[in-house]
Amino acid sequence: MKKRIYTSGILAGLMLAGAGTALAATSAPPLVDASWVKSNSCKPGVVVLDIRNKLDGHSRTDYLRGHIPCAVYSDYLKDGWRSKVNNVVGQLSPVPKLEKLIGKLGINDKTHVVIYSAGKNALDMGSDTRVFWTFNVLGHDNVSILNGGFAAYTKDKKNPVEHGNNTPKPAKFVAHLRQDMLVSKADVLKAMKNKEVLVDNRPHDQYVGVNRHPKAVRNGTIPGAINLPESWLTANNGGTFRSVDQIKKLYAAAHVPTAGKQINFCNTGHWASLGWFVSSKLLGDKQAKVYDGSMVEWTADKSMPMEDKIKM
């Protein structure tokens, strides 16, 4: 087994994916491409984070069989990125737990973190955006996603693949919680009453009330919510995000504004993070937020109103 020791410090500048624009290390681009990762994955101050998991049909075994050089592994579903909070699954884990998890991965407050999943579909990319959102909530903006995931990286057979395990030297990560990014059930109810934009990023069948998540107890959606399915946000529901021009057309078709207050939700905050990432990071709407509790929390409270467009 190999052991990788990370050094402290950050890159003096980062190259924007697919372009020659230098960026300050504290202003990482939201997306980087495979060529960027190939050139930077082993540089000091960069931690490439492989989060492949059961959702994309992978595990640590797949990481050991082959990963991006110098990447470290963390199972998105099992390692504590999300917890059961107030009897609701998939919630943001307590800050001390996240600080410990992130520090063990060799990540400090200056590290440029680059996240990747399998990259097969929008569900995979939702794992990336959820971890990205978690870092932002903790006050860490120096984070990017490998557009297209591991599938995009390995598409070019010339890109090197490393085998075995990389054990990082533990670092100290100190969170600076952005409370304003956290949305409660009460916040959503207030937004609903004020007719603010609520975006349901679940598949259409769940939005209209035909089907529901196993842990949701009622069918339908939050009254007044607009449906923008997560599968629309990546090209052909694959692992690559659509272009900004295409995204704007889809937002217009779904009647979702590209600016202003917006709360994204789904079932447990996974797909919602994908909608938030596209709105906030690709379209630049800094008022977009994620309702972490989403429909699993909302439907459990019988006092919260529901709208089922198709009554089953």
Foldseek 3Di string as FASTA:
>chain_A
DDADEADDDADCWAAAAPDRDTDGLQAAAQEHELVSCLVPCNDHLEEEEEAAEVVVPDDVVVVQAWDAPRHAYDHLVPQQCAQQDPNFGGFGGDPVSVQQSQQQSVDALRGQYEYFYQFFFLLRVLSVLSVCVSCVQQVRNNYYYHQSGPCRNCVPVPRDIDHHHYGYDGGGYHGDGDPVQEAEPVNVVVCVVVLHEEEEQDPPCQQQFVDHDPLFDGGHFAPNYFYDHSRQQADNRTRGGDALVSVVVSCVVSVHDLEDAYEYAYQAQRSSSSVQCCSCNVSNHVNYHYHRSHRSNQRVPVVRDGHNNDDD
